[in-house]
């Protein structure tokens, strides 16, 4: 397996990434590829990135992963994660990967988990170059997602008050209103070990506002007739499962929705082999390494 560190520019920021080429590729051979996105404030070495990357590589796909603006080794204000900018960064990563000598530029898929899943769905909807989309534990309607993550009246009141205070806060004070990670996206203690070291822990309130306003539901139908796969735990303790069900309801065909009873939000990091088998079967049907004959 060869690994190459790469960088590219998105909206004036230099973003850090890695491209990995599987063994056995012949000179001049071009393979389909995946871009794998990390989750909320995470990094490209998170297990929810590395494990699906290893699976795709073993199957023969070229893989790219990168740190989003404001995360990891990429430039940008730390923790300022604006959803439209992440969509643009993903499209810019695709532009770079399509130029790789071992990549078939017409067959680049995107895969993401959690926040990254919402971004890949949106990117697939607005960028026709995306050949296929896999969303794991994703979401399509920011406001409803947050209502499910802050279900008590007290929790929703606190979250709403934070959003209200954050609107115009930077203009009024000259600095951002900083908010702890788990005040934005609560994660139970027993799942926090999946948050990779070096992940962002404090975020400007604009990050939460951008997520609140984000609506992948509005564009998911534009992915068709390219294939879409939606994966979710039936008992997700971070992102409500209703979010993937809503995405499925707005999607065109071919789209598959798979709910898993024996895993949680970080399904790839948890090493669930059934998830891997389901994904591999889907790839064989909808996005195989070797294109099917017409």
C-alpha atoms as a PDB file:
ATOM      1  CA  UNK A   1       0.000   0.000   0.000  1.00  0.00           C
ATOM      2  CA  UNK A   2       1.492   3.356  -0.990  1.00  0.00           C
ATOM      3  CA  UNK A   3       0.570   6.474   0.948  1.00  0.00           C
ATOM      4  CA  UNK A   4       1.070  10.046  -0.239  1.00  0.00           C
ATOM      5  CA  UNK A   5       0.511  13.174   1.808  1.00  0.00           C
ATOM      6  CA  UNK A   6      -1.256  15.831  -0.231  1.00  0.00           C
ATOM      7  CA  UNK A   7      -2.579  19.340   0.235  1.00  0.00           C
ATOM      8  CA  UNK A   8      -5.093  21.416  -1.645  1.00  0.00           C
ATOM      9  CA  UNK A   9      -6.694  24.819  -1.339  1.00  0.00           C
ATOM     10  CA  UNK A  10     -10.349  25.386  -0.542  1.00  0.00           C
ATOM     11  CA  UNK A  11     -11.742  28.904  -0.141  1.00  0.00           C
ATOM     12  CA  UNK A  12      -8.209  30.214   0.403  1.00  0.00           C
ATOM     13  CA  UNK A  13      -7.264  27.668   3.100  1.00  0.00           C
ATOM     14  CA  UNK A  14      -4.617  24.958   2.753  1.00  0.00           C
ATOM     15  CA  UNK A  15      -6.094  21.601   3.733  1.00  0.00           C
ATOM     16  CA  UNK A  16      -4.039  18.524   4.648  1.00  0.00           C
ATOM     17  CA  UNK A  17      -4.871  15.108   3.262  1.00  0.00           C
ATOM     18  CA  UNK A  18      -3.618  11.624   2.437  1.00  0.00           C
ATOM     19  CA  UNK A  19      -4.091   9.506  -0.696  1.00  0.00           C
ATOM     20  CA  UNK A  20      -3.547   5.759  -0.467  1.00  0.00           C
ATOM     21  CA  UNK A  21      -3.192   3.480  -3.491  1.00  0.00           C
ATOM     22  CA  UNK A  22      -3.762  -0.275  -3.011  1.00  0.00           C
ATOM     23  CA  UNK A  23      -1.094  -2.783  -3.951  1.00  0.00           C
ATOM     24  CA  UNK A  24      -1.172  -4.451  -7.339  1.00  0.00           C
ATOM     25  CA  UNK A  25      -2.112  -1.476  -9.493  1.00  0.00           C
ATOM     26  CA  UNK A  26      -0.367  -1.688 -12.855  1.00  0.00           C
ATOM     27  CA  UNK A  27       1.294   1.295 -14.568  1.00  0.00           C
ATOM     28  CA  UNK A  28      -1.365   3.393 -16.245  1.00  0.00           C
ATOM     29  CA  UNK A  29      -4.241   1.548 -14.528  1.00  0.00           C
ATOM     30  CA  UNK A  30      -7.021   3.735 -13.137  1.00  0.00           C
ATOM     31  CA  UNK A  31      -9.287   2.599 -10.310  1.00  0.00           C
ATOM     32  CA  UNK A  32     -12.491   3.943  -8.767  1.00  0.00           C
ATOM     33  CA  UNK A  33     -11.871   5.916  -5.587  1.00  0.00           C
ATOM     34  CA  UNK A  34     -13.418   6.975  -2.299  1.00  0.00           C
ATOM     35  CA  UNK A  35     -13.129  10.209  -0.336  1.00  0.00           C
ATOM     36  CA  UNK A  36     -13.812   9.424   3.344  1.00  0.00           C
ATOM     37  CA  UNK A  37     -14.855  12.289   5.645  1.00  0.00           C
ATOM     38  CA  UNK A  38     -14.418  12.542   9.399  1.00  0.00           C
ATOM     39  CA  UNK A  39     -17.102  13.587  11.855  1.00  0.00           C
ATOM     40  CA  UNK A  40     -17.786  16.628  14.037  1.00  0.00           C
ATOM     41  CA  UNK A  41     -14.547  18.422  14.901  1.00  0.00           C
ATOM     42  CA  UNK A  42     -12.578  15.216  14.386  1.00  0.00           C
ATOM     43  CA  UNK A  43      -9.531  14.338  12.290  1.00  0.00           C
ATOM     44  CA  UNK A  44      -8.705  12.177   9.300  1.00  0.00           C
ATOM     45  CA  UNK A  45      -7.059   9.504  11.495  1.00  0.00           C
ATOM     46  CA  UNK A  46     -10.235   8.776  13.477  1.00  0.00           C
ATOM     47  CA  UNK A  47     -11.254   5.113  13.548  1.00  0.00           C
ATOM     48  CA  UNK A  48     -14.539   5.999  11.797  1.00  0.00           C
ATOM     49  CA  UNK A  49     -12.322   7.077   8.887  1.00  0.00           C
ATOM     50  CA  UNK A  50      -9.474   4.575   9.081  1.00  0.00           C
ATOM     51  CA  UNK A  51     -11.570   1.405   9.303  1.00  0.00           C
ATOM     52  CA  UNK A  52     -13.751   2.045   6.245  1.00  0.00           C
ATOM     53  CA  UNK A  53     -10.633   3.271   4.436  1.00  0.00           C
ATOM     54  CA  UNK A  54      -8.911  -0.045   5.164  1.00  0.00           C
ATOM     55  CA  UNK A  55     -11.980  -1.921   3.921  1.00  0.00           C
ATOM     56  CA  UNK A  56     -12.134   0.057   0.660  1.00  0.00           C
ATOM     57  CA  UNK A  57      -8.395  -0.354   0.091  1.00  0.00           C
ATOM     58  CA  UNK A  58      -8.597  -4.115   0.612  1.00  0.00           C
ATOM     59  CA  UNK A  59     -11.323  -4.232  -2.032  1.00  0.00           C
ATOM     60  CA  UNK A  60      -9.109  -2.332  -4.485  1.00  0.00           C
ATOM     61  CA  UNK A  61     -10.279   1.303  -4.294  1.00  0.00           C
ATOM     62  CA  UNK A  62      -7.944   4.297  -4.135  1.00  0.00           C
ATOM     63  CA  UNK A  63      -8.780   6.276  -0.973  1.00  0.00           C
ATOM     64  CA  UNK A  64      -8.401   9.875   0.098  1.00  0.00           C
ATOM     65  CA  UNK A  65      -9.039  11.385   3.515  1.00  0.00           C
ATOM     66  CA  UNK A  66      -8.395  14.921   4.755  1.00  0.00           C
ATOM     67  CA  UNK A  67      -8.799  17.272   7.696  1.00  0.00           C
ATOM     68  CA  UNK A  68     -11.656  19.708   7.271  1.00  0.00           C
ATOM     69  CA  UNK A  69     -11.017  23.480   7.622  1.00  0.00           C
ATOM     70  CA  UNK A  70     -10.385  24.329  11.269  1.00  0.00           C
ATOM     71  CA  UNK A  71      -9.593  20.696  12.140  1.00  0.00           C
ATOM     72  CA  UNK A  72      -6.409  18.655  12.534  1.00  0.00           C
ATOM     73  CA  UNK A  73      -3.524  19.853  10.379  1.00  0.00           C
ATOM     74  CA  UNK A  74      -5.636  21.975   8.038  1.00  0.00           C
ATOM     75  CA  UNK A  75      -5.738  25.750   8.072  1.00  0.00           C
ATOM     76  CA  UNK A  76      -8.721  27.725   9.282  1.00  0.00           C
ATOM     77  CA  UNK A  77     -10.075  29.124  12.526  1.00  0.00           C
ATOM     78  CA  UNK A  78     -10.036  26.250  14.987  1.00  0.00           C
ATOM     79  CA  UNK A  79     -13.495  24.786  15.377  1.00  0.00           C
ATOM     80  CA  UNK A  80     -15.225  27.100  12.912  1.00  0.00           C
ATOM     81  CA  UNK A  81     -16.998  24.364  10.986  1.00  0.00           C
ATOM     82  CA  UNK A  82     -19.379  25.834   8.448  1.00  0.00           C
ATOM     83  CA  UNK A  83     -21.393  23.218   6.586  1.00  0.00           C
ATOM     84  CA  UNK A  84     -21.326  24.923   3.153  1.00  0.00           C
ATOM     85  CA  UNK A  85     -17.540  25.286   3.441  1.00  0.00           C
ATOM     86  CA  UNK A  86     -17.213  21.571   4.207  1.00  0.00           C
ATOM     87  CA  UNK A  87     -19.276  20.739   1.119  1.00  0.00           C
ATOM     88  CA  UNK A  88     -16.987  22.975  -0.954  1.00  0.00           C
ATOM     89  CA  UNK A  89     -13.898  21.357   0.596  1.00  0.00           C
ATOM     90  CA  UNK A  90     -15.203  17.917  -0.372  1.00  0.00           C
ATOM     91  CA  UNK A  91     -15.755  19.032  -3.968  1.00  0.00           C
ATOM     92  CA  UNK A  92     -12.268  20.561  -4.018  1.00  0.00           C
ATOM     93  CA  UNK A  93     -10.830  17.278  -2.718  1.00  0.00           C
ATOM     94  CA  UNK A  94     -12.627  15.488  -5.557  1.00  0.00           C
ATOM     95  CA  UNK A  95     -11.052  17.878  -8.069  1.00  0.00           C
ATOM     96  CA  UNK A  96      -7.610  16.983  -6.736  1.00  0.00           C
ATOM     97  CA  UNK A  97      -8.248  13.238  -6.570  1.00  0.00           C
ATOM     98  CA  UNK A  98      -9.640  13.131 -10.115  1.00  0.00           C
ATOM     99  CA  UNK A  99      -6.196  14.228 -11.376  1.00  0.00           C
ATOM    100  CA  UNK A 100      -4.401  11.320  -9.692  1.00  0.00           C
ATOM    101  CA  UNK A 101      -2.743   9.023 -12.270  1.00  0.00           C
ATOM    102  CA  UNK A 102      -4.310   5.896 -10.720  1.00  0.00           C
ATOM    103  CA  UNK A 103      -7.864   7.268 -10.322  1.00  0.00           C
ATOM    104  CA  UNK A 104     -10.770   7.020 -12.730  1.00  0.00           C
ATOM    105  CA  UNK A 105     -12.018  10.583 -12.434  1.00  0.00           C
ATOM    106  CA  UNK A 106     -15.535   9.567 -13.488  1.00  0.00           C
ATOM    107  CA  UNK A 107     -15.861   7.067 -10.623  1.00  0.00           C
ATOM    108  CA  UNK A 108     -15.182   8.860  -7.347  1.00  0.00           C
ATOM    109  CA  UNK A 109     -17.540   8.123  -4.444  1.00  0.00           C
ATOM    110  CA  UNK A 110     -17.850   9.905  -1.095  1.00  0.00           C
ATOM    111  CA  UNK A 111     -18.432   8.369   2.330  1.00  0.00           C
ATOM    112  CA  UNK A 112     -18.811  10.041   5.724  1.00  0.00           C
ATOM    113  CA  UNK A 113     -19.889   9.415   9.292  1.00  0.00           C
ATOM    114  CA  UNK A 114     -22.126  11.658  11.435  1.00  0.00           C
ATOM    115  CA  UNK A 115     -21.364  15.296  10.477  1.00  0.00           C
ATOM    116  CA  UNK A 116     -19.323  13.955   7.566  1.00  0.00           C
ATOM    117  CA  UNK A 117     -22.328  11.897   6.472  1.00  0.00           C
ATOM    118  CA  UNK A 118     -24.531  14.984   6.231  1.00  0.00           C
ATOM    119  CA  UNK A 119     -21.807  16.678   4.189  1.00  0.00           C
ATOM    120  CA  UNK A 120     -21.374  13.806   1.700  1.00  0.00           C
ATOM    121  CA  UNK A 121     -25.134  13.603   1.114  1.00  0.00           C
ATOM    122  CA  UNK A 122     -25.285  17.326   0.423  1.00  0.00           C
ATOM    123  CA  UNK A 123     -22.173  17.206  -1.759  1.00  0.00           C
ATOM    124  CA  UNK A 124     -23.628  14.328  -3.753  1.00  0.00           C
ATOM    125  CA  UNK A 125     -26.792  16.330  -4.270  1.00  0.00           C
ATOM    126  CA  UNK A 126     -25.086  19.459  -5.599  1.00  0.00           C
ATOM    127  CA  UNK A 127     -21.946  18.063  -7.284  1.00  0.00           C
ATOM    128  CA  UNK A 128     -22.822  15.805 -10.251  1.00  0.00           C
ATOM    129  CA  UNK A 129     -19.248  14.492 -10.403  1.00  0.00           C
ATOM    130  CA  UNK A 130     -19.867  12.381  -7.271  1.00  0.00           C
ATOM    131  CA  UNK A 131     -20.437   8.820  -8.497  1.00  0.00           C
ATOM    132  CA  UNK A 132     -21.920   7.272  -5.321  1.00  0.00           C
ATOM    133  CA  UNK A 133     -22.648   8.226  -1.694  1.00  0.00           C
ATOM    134  CA  UNK A 134     -22.451   6.289   1.593  1.00  0.00           C
ATOM    135  CA  UNK A 135     -23.822   7.976   4.727  1.00  0.00           C
ATOM    136  CA  UNK A 136     -23.232   6.419   8.173  1.00  0.00           C
ATOM    137  CA  UNK A 137     -25.159   7.827  11.170  1.00  0.00           C
ATOM    138  CA  UNK A 138     -25.933  10.987   9.234  1.00  0.00           C
ATOM    139  CA  UNK A 139     -28.593  13.668   9.340  1.00  0.00           C
ATOM    140  CA  UNK A 140     -30.647  15.697   6.915  1.00  0.00           C
ATOM    141  CA  UNK A 141     -32.404  18.415   8.937  1.00  0.00           C
ATOM    142  CA  UNK A 142     -30.278  20.346  11.408  1.00  0.00           C
ATOM    143  CA  UNK A 143     -33.032  21.774  13.589  1.00  0.00           C
ATOM    144  CA  UNK A 144     -34.823  18.442  14.041  1.00  0.00           C
ATOM    145  CA  UNK A 145     -31.486  16.717  14.690  1.00  0.00           C
ATOM    146  CA  UNK A 146     -30.690  19.145  17.493  1.00  0.00           C
ATOM    147  CA  UNK A 147     -34.181  18.830  18.977  1.00  0.00           C
ATOM    148  CA  UNK A 148     -33.614  15.095  19.187  1.00  0.00           C
ATOM    149  CA  UNK A 149     -30.194  15.608  20.780  1.00  0.00           C
ATOM    150  CA  UNK A 150     -31.536  18.091  23.370  1.00  0.00           C
ATOM    151  CA  UNK A 151     -34.919  16.461  24.095  1.00  0.00           C
ATOM    152  CA  UNK A 152     -35.770  17.902  27.520  1.00  0.00           C
ATOM    153  CA  UNK A 153     -37.428  21.344  27.781  1.00  0.00           C
ATOM    154  CA  UNK A 154     -34.490  22.542  29.878  1.00  0.00           C
ATOM    155  CA  UNK A 155     -31.919  21.195  27.409  1.00  0.00           C
ATOM    156  CA  UNK A 156     -33.638  22.753  24.404  1.00  0.00           C
ATOM    157  CA  UNK A 157     -34.021  26.080  26.210  1.00  0.00           C
ATOM    158  CA  UNK A 158     -30.296  26.140  27.028  1.00  0.00           C
ATOM    159  CA  UNK A 159     -29.319  25.217  23.467  1.00  0.00           C
ATOM    160  CA  UNK A 160     -31.686  27.785  21.929  1.00  0.00           C
ATOM    161  CA  UNK A 161     -30.393  30.483  24.270  1.00  0.00           C
ATOM    162  CA  UNK A 162     -26.830  29.714  23.155  1.00  0.00           C
ATOM    163  CA  UNK A 163     -27.814  30.074  19.494  1.00  0.00           C
ATOM    164  CA  UNK A 164     -29.591  33.361  20.217  1.00  0.00           C
ATOM    165  CA  UNK A 165     -26.629  34.785  22.149  1.00  0.00           C
ATOM    166  CA  UNK A 166     -24.270  33.691  19.386  1.00  0.00           C
ATOM    167  CA  UNK A 167     -26.103  35.565  16.626  1.00  0.00           C
ATOM    168  CA  UNK A 168     -24.108  38.758  16.120  1.00  0.00           C
ATOM    169  CA  UNK A 169     -21.856  38.017  19.113  1.00  0.00           C
ATOM    170  CA  UNK A 170     -18.641  38.285  17.089  1.00  0.00           C
ATOM    171  CA  UNK A 171     -19.732  41.606  15.562  1.00  0.00           C
ATOM    172  CA  UNK A 172     -20.659  42.995  18.978  1.00  0.00           C
ATOM    173  CA  UNK A 173     -17.583  41.842  20.888  1.00  0.00           C
ATOM    174  CA  UNK A 174     -14.893  41.271  18.265  1.00  0.00           C
ATOM    175  CA  UNK A 175     -14.489  37.638  19.325  1.00  0.00           C
ATOM    176  CA  UNK A 176     -16.487  34.416  18.941  1.00  0.00           C
ATOM    177  CA  UNK A 177     -18.781  32.945  21.550  1.00  0.00           C
ATOM    178  CA  UNK A 178     -17.051  29.647  22.385  1.00  0.00           C
ATOM    179  CA  UNK A 179     -19.155  26.606  23.219  1.00  0.00           C
ATOM    180  CA  UNK A 180     -18.035  23.206  24.602  1.00  0.00           C
ATOM    181  CA  UNK A 181     -18.275  20.225  22.236  1.00  0.00           C
ATOM    182  CA  UNK A 182     -20.833  18.313  24.269  1.00  0.00           C
ATOM    183  CA  UNK A 183     -23.103  21.342  24.690  1.00  0.00           C
ATOM    184  CA  UNK A 184     -23.549  21.228  20.910  1.00  0.00           C
ATOM    185  CA  UNK A 185     -23.607  17.460  20.286  1.00  0.00           C
ATOM    186  CA  UNK A 186     -24.119  15.472  23.501  1.00  0.00           C
ATOM    187  CA  UNK A 187     -22.349  12.109  23.520  1.00  0.00           C
ATOM    188  CA  UNK A 188     -22.831   9.608  26.371  1.00  0.00           C
ATOM    189  CA  UNK A 189     -19.745   8.967  28.489  1.00  0.00           C
ATOM    190  CA  UNK A 190     -19.404   5.363  27.312  1.00  0.00           C
ATOM    191  CA  UNK A 191     -19.071   6.493  23.671  1.00  0.00           C
ATOM    192  CA  UNK A 192     -16.605   9.333  24.204  1.00  0.00           C
ATOM    193  CA  UNK A 193     -13.616   7.017  23.821  1.00  0.00           C
ATOM    194  CA  UNK A 194     -14.355   7.131  20.088  1.00  0.00           C
ATOM    195  CA  UNK A 195     -13.570  10.869  19.997  1.00  0.00           C
ATOM    196  CA  UNK A 196     -10.026  10.816  18.626  1.00  0.00           C
ATOM    197  CA  UNK A 197      -7.280  12.686  20.567  1.00  0.00           C
ATOM    198  CA  UNK A 198      -6.673  16.079  19.022  1.00  0.00           C
ATOM    199  CA  UNK A 199     -10.339  16.597  18.151  1.00  0.00           C
ATOM    200  CA  UNK A 200     -11.702  20.105  18.646  1.00  0.00           C
ATOM    201  CA  UNK A 201     -13.254  20.572  22.097  1.00  0.00           C
ATOM    202  CA  UNK A 202     -14.459  24.198  21.915  1.00  0.00           C
ATOM    203  CA  UNK A 203     -16.364  25.654  18.971  1.00  0.00           C
ATOM    204  CA  UNK A 204     -17.529  29.137  17.930  1.00  0.00           C
ATOM    205  CA  UNK A 205     -21.314  29.372  18.176  1.00  0.00           C
ATOM    206  CA  UNK A 206     -21.413  29.910  14.395  1.00  0.00           C
ATOM    207  CA  UNK A 207     -20.608  26.200  14.049  1.00  0.00           C
ATOM    208  CA  UNK A 208     -23.785  25.217  15.883  1.00  0.00           C
ATOM    209  CA  UNK A 209     -25.806  27.764  13.896  1.00  0.00           C
ATOM    210  CA  UNK A 210     -24.463  26.426  10.597  1.00  0.00           C
ATOM    211  CA  UNK A 211     -25.421  22.876  11.590  1.00  0.00           C
ATOM    212  CA  UNK A 212     -28.857  24.049  12.735  1.00  0.00           C
ATOM    213  CA  UNK A 213     -29.467  25.666   9.330  1.00  0.00           C
ATOM    214  CA  UNK A 214     -28.120  22.731   7.266  1.00  0.00           C
ATOM    215  CA  UNK A 215     -30.695  20.764   5.253  1.00  0.00           C
ATOM    216  CA  UNK A 216     -29.303  17.812   3.319  1.00  0.00           C
ATOM    217  CA  UNK A 217     -32.945  16.715   2.966  1.00  0.00           C
ATOM    218  CA  UNK A 218     -33.383  19.536   0.457  1.00  0.00           C
ATOM    219  CA  UNK A 219     -30.874  18.097  -2.033  1.00  0.00           C
ATOM    220  CA  UNK A 220     -30.690  14.350  -1.357  1.00  0.00           C
ATOM    221  CA  UNK A 221     -33.235  13.683  -4.122  1.00  0.00           C
ATOM    222  CA  UNK A 222     -30.797  15.143  -6.652  1.00  0.00           C
ATOM    223  CA  UNK A 223     -28.322  12.298  -6.101  1.00  0.00           C
ATOM    224  CA  UNK A 224     -30.487   9.883  -8.142  1.00  0.00           C
ATOM    225  CA  UNK A 225     -29.930   8.067 -10.419  1.00  0.00           C
ATOM    226  CA  UNK A 226     -26.505   7.732  -8.790  1.00  0.00           C
ATOM    227  CA  UNK A 227     -26.557   5.198  -5.918  1.00  0.00           C
ATOM    228  CA  UNK A 228     -26.990   6.203  -2.276  1.00  0.00           C
ATOM    229  CA  UNK A 229     -26.570   4.019   0.828  1.00  0.00           C
ATOM    230  CA  UNK A 230     -27.821   5.140   4.255  1.00  0.00           C
ATOM    231  CA  UNK A 231     -26.566   3.332   7.377  1.00  0.00           C
ATOM    232  CA  UNK A 232     -27.774   3.979  10.922  1.00  0.00           C
ATOM    233  CA  UNK A 233     -28.008   2.301  14.297  1.00  0.00           C
ATOM    234  CA  UNK A 234     -31.607   1.577  15.237  1.00  0.00           C
ATOM    235  CA  UNK A 235     -30.700   2.810  18.753  1.00  0.00           C
ATOM    236  CA  UNK A 236     -28.243   5.629  18.028  1.00  0.00           C
ATOM    237  CA  UNK A 237     -27.310   7.496  21.225  1.00  0.00           C
ATOM    238  CA  UNK A 238     -25.938  10.536  19.362  1.00  0.00           C
ATOM    239  CA  UNK A 239     -27.876  11.218  16.146  1.00  0.00           C
ATOM    240  CA  UNK A 240     -31.564  10.189  16.110  1.00  0.00           C
ATOM    241  CA  UNK A 241     -32.257   7.343  13.676  1.00  0.00           C
ATOM    242  CA  UNK A 242     -35.224   9.350  12.356  1.00  0.00           C
ATOM    243  CA  UNK A 243     -32.699  11.517  10.494  1.00  0.00           C
ATOM    244  CA  UNK A 244     -31.629   8.732   8.116  1.00  0.00           C
ATOM    245  CA  UNK A 245     -35.223   7.595   7.741  1.00  0.00           C
ATOM    246  CA  UNK A 246     -36.155  11.147   6.686  1.00  0.00           C
ATOM    247  CA  UNK A 247     -33.282  11.202   4.196  1.00  0.00           C
ATOM    248  CA  UNK A 248     -34.541   7.935   2.720  1.00  0.00           C
ATOM    249  CA  UNK A 249     -38.006   9.449   2.361  1.00  0.00           C
ATOM    250  CA  UNK A 250     -36.620  12.386   0.368  1.00  0.00           C
ATOM    251  CA  UNK A 251     -34.196  10.353  -1.752  1.00  0.00           C
ATOM    252  CA  UNK A 252     -34.666   9.034  -5.262  1.00  0.00           C
ATOM    253  CA  UNK A 253     -33.667   5.605  -6.521  1.00  0.00           C
ATOM    254  CA  UNK A 254     -31.498   3.626  -6.213  1.00  0.00           C
ATOM    255  CA  UNK A 255     -31.276   4.216  -2.442  1.00  0.00           C
ATOM    256  CA  UNK A 256     -30.883   1.650   0.332  1.00  0.00           C
ATOM    257  CA  UNK A 257     -31.457   2.229   4.048  1.00  0.00           C
ATOM    258  CA  UNK A 258     -29.958  -0.242   6.530  1.00  0.00           C
ATOM    259  CA  UNK A 259     -30.680  -0.088  10.275  1.00  0.00           C
ATOM    260  CA  UNK A 260     -28.484  -2.108  12.651  1.00  0.00           C
ATOM    261  CA  UNK A 261     -29.609  -3.284  16.072  1.00  0.00           C
ATOM    262  CA  UNK A 262     -26.201  -4.376  17.366  1.00  0.00           C
ATOM    263  CA  UNK A 263     -24.148  -1.213  17.021  1.00  0.00           C
ATOM    264  CA  UNK A 264     -24.254   2.481  17.976  1.00  0.00           C
ATOM    265  CA  UNK A 265     -23.310   5.848  16.504  1.00  0.00           C
ATOM    266  CA  UNK A 266     -19.654   5.006  15.770  1.00  0.00           C
ATOM    267  CA  UNK A 267     -20.513   1.851  13.840  1.00  0.00           C
ATOM    268  CA  UNK A 268     -17.267   1.601  11.888  1.00  0.00           C
ATOM    269  CA  UNK A 269     -15.050   2.427  14.868  1.00  0.00           C
ATOM    270  CA  UNK A 270     -16.900  -0.254  16.807  1.00  0.00           C
ATOM    271  CA  UNK A 271     -15.698  -2.839  14.292  1.00  0.00           C
ATOM    272  CA  UNK A 272     -19.118  -4.236  13.490  1.00  0.00           C
ATOM    273  CA  UNK A 273     -18.429  -6.923  10.876  1.00  0.00           C
ATOM    274  CA  UNK A 274     -22.061  -7.089   9.722  1.00  0.00           C
ATOM    275  CA  UNK A 275     -21.888  -3.426   8.711  1.00  0.00           C
ATOM    276  CA  UNK A 276     -18.795  -4.186   6.635  1.00  0.00           C
ATOM    277  CA  UNK A 277     -20.463  -7.163   4.935  1.00  0.00           C
ATOM    278  CA  UNK A 278     -23.561  -5.119   4.061  1.00  0.00           C
ATOM    279  CA  UNK A 279     -21.416  -2.334   2.583  1.00  0.00           C
ATOM    280  CA  UNK A 280     -19.346  -4.790   0.546  1.00  0.00           C
ATOM    281  CA  UNK A 281     -22.481  -6.408  -0.905  1.00  0.00           C
ATOM    282  CA  UNK A 282     -23.832  -2.969  -1.830  1.00  0.00           C
ATOM    283  CA  UNK A 283     -20.548  -2.013  -3.498  1.00  0.00           C
ATOM    284  CA  UNK A 284     -20.595  -5.191  -5.581  1.00  0.00           C
ATOM    285  CA  UNK A 285     -24.021  -4.229  -6.915  1.00  0.00           C
ATOM    286  CA  UNK A 286     -23.774  -0.453  -7.284  1.00  0.00           C
ATOM    287  CA  UNK A 287     -20.117   0.644  -7.304  1.00  0.00           C
ATOM    288  CA  UNK A 288     -17.838  -2.310  -8.082  1.00  0.00           C
ATOM    289  CA  UNK A 289     -14.093  -1.946  -8.610  1.00  0.00           C
ATOM    290  CA  UNK A 290     -14.533  -3.477 -12.055  1.00  0.00           C
ATOM    291  CA  UNK A 291     -17.376  -1.780 -13.959  1.00  0.00           C
ATOM    292  CA  UNK A 292     -20.136  -4.150 -14.975  1.00  0.00           C
ATOM    293  CA  UNK A 293     -20.652  -4.779 -18.668  1.00  0.00           C
ATOM    294  CA  UNK A 294     -23.567  -2.923 -20.193  1.00  0.00           C
END
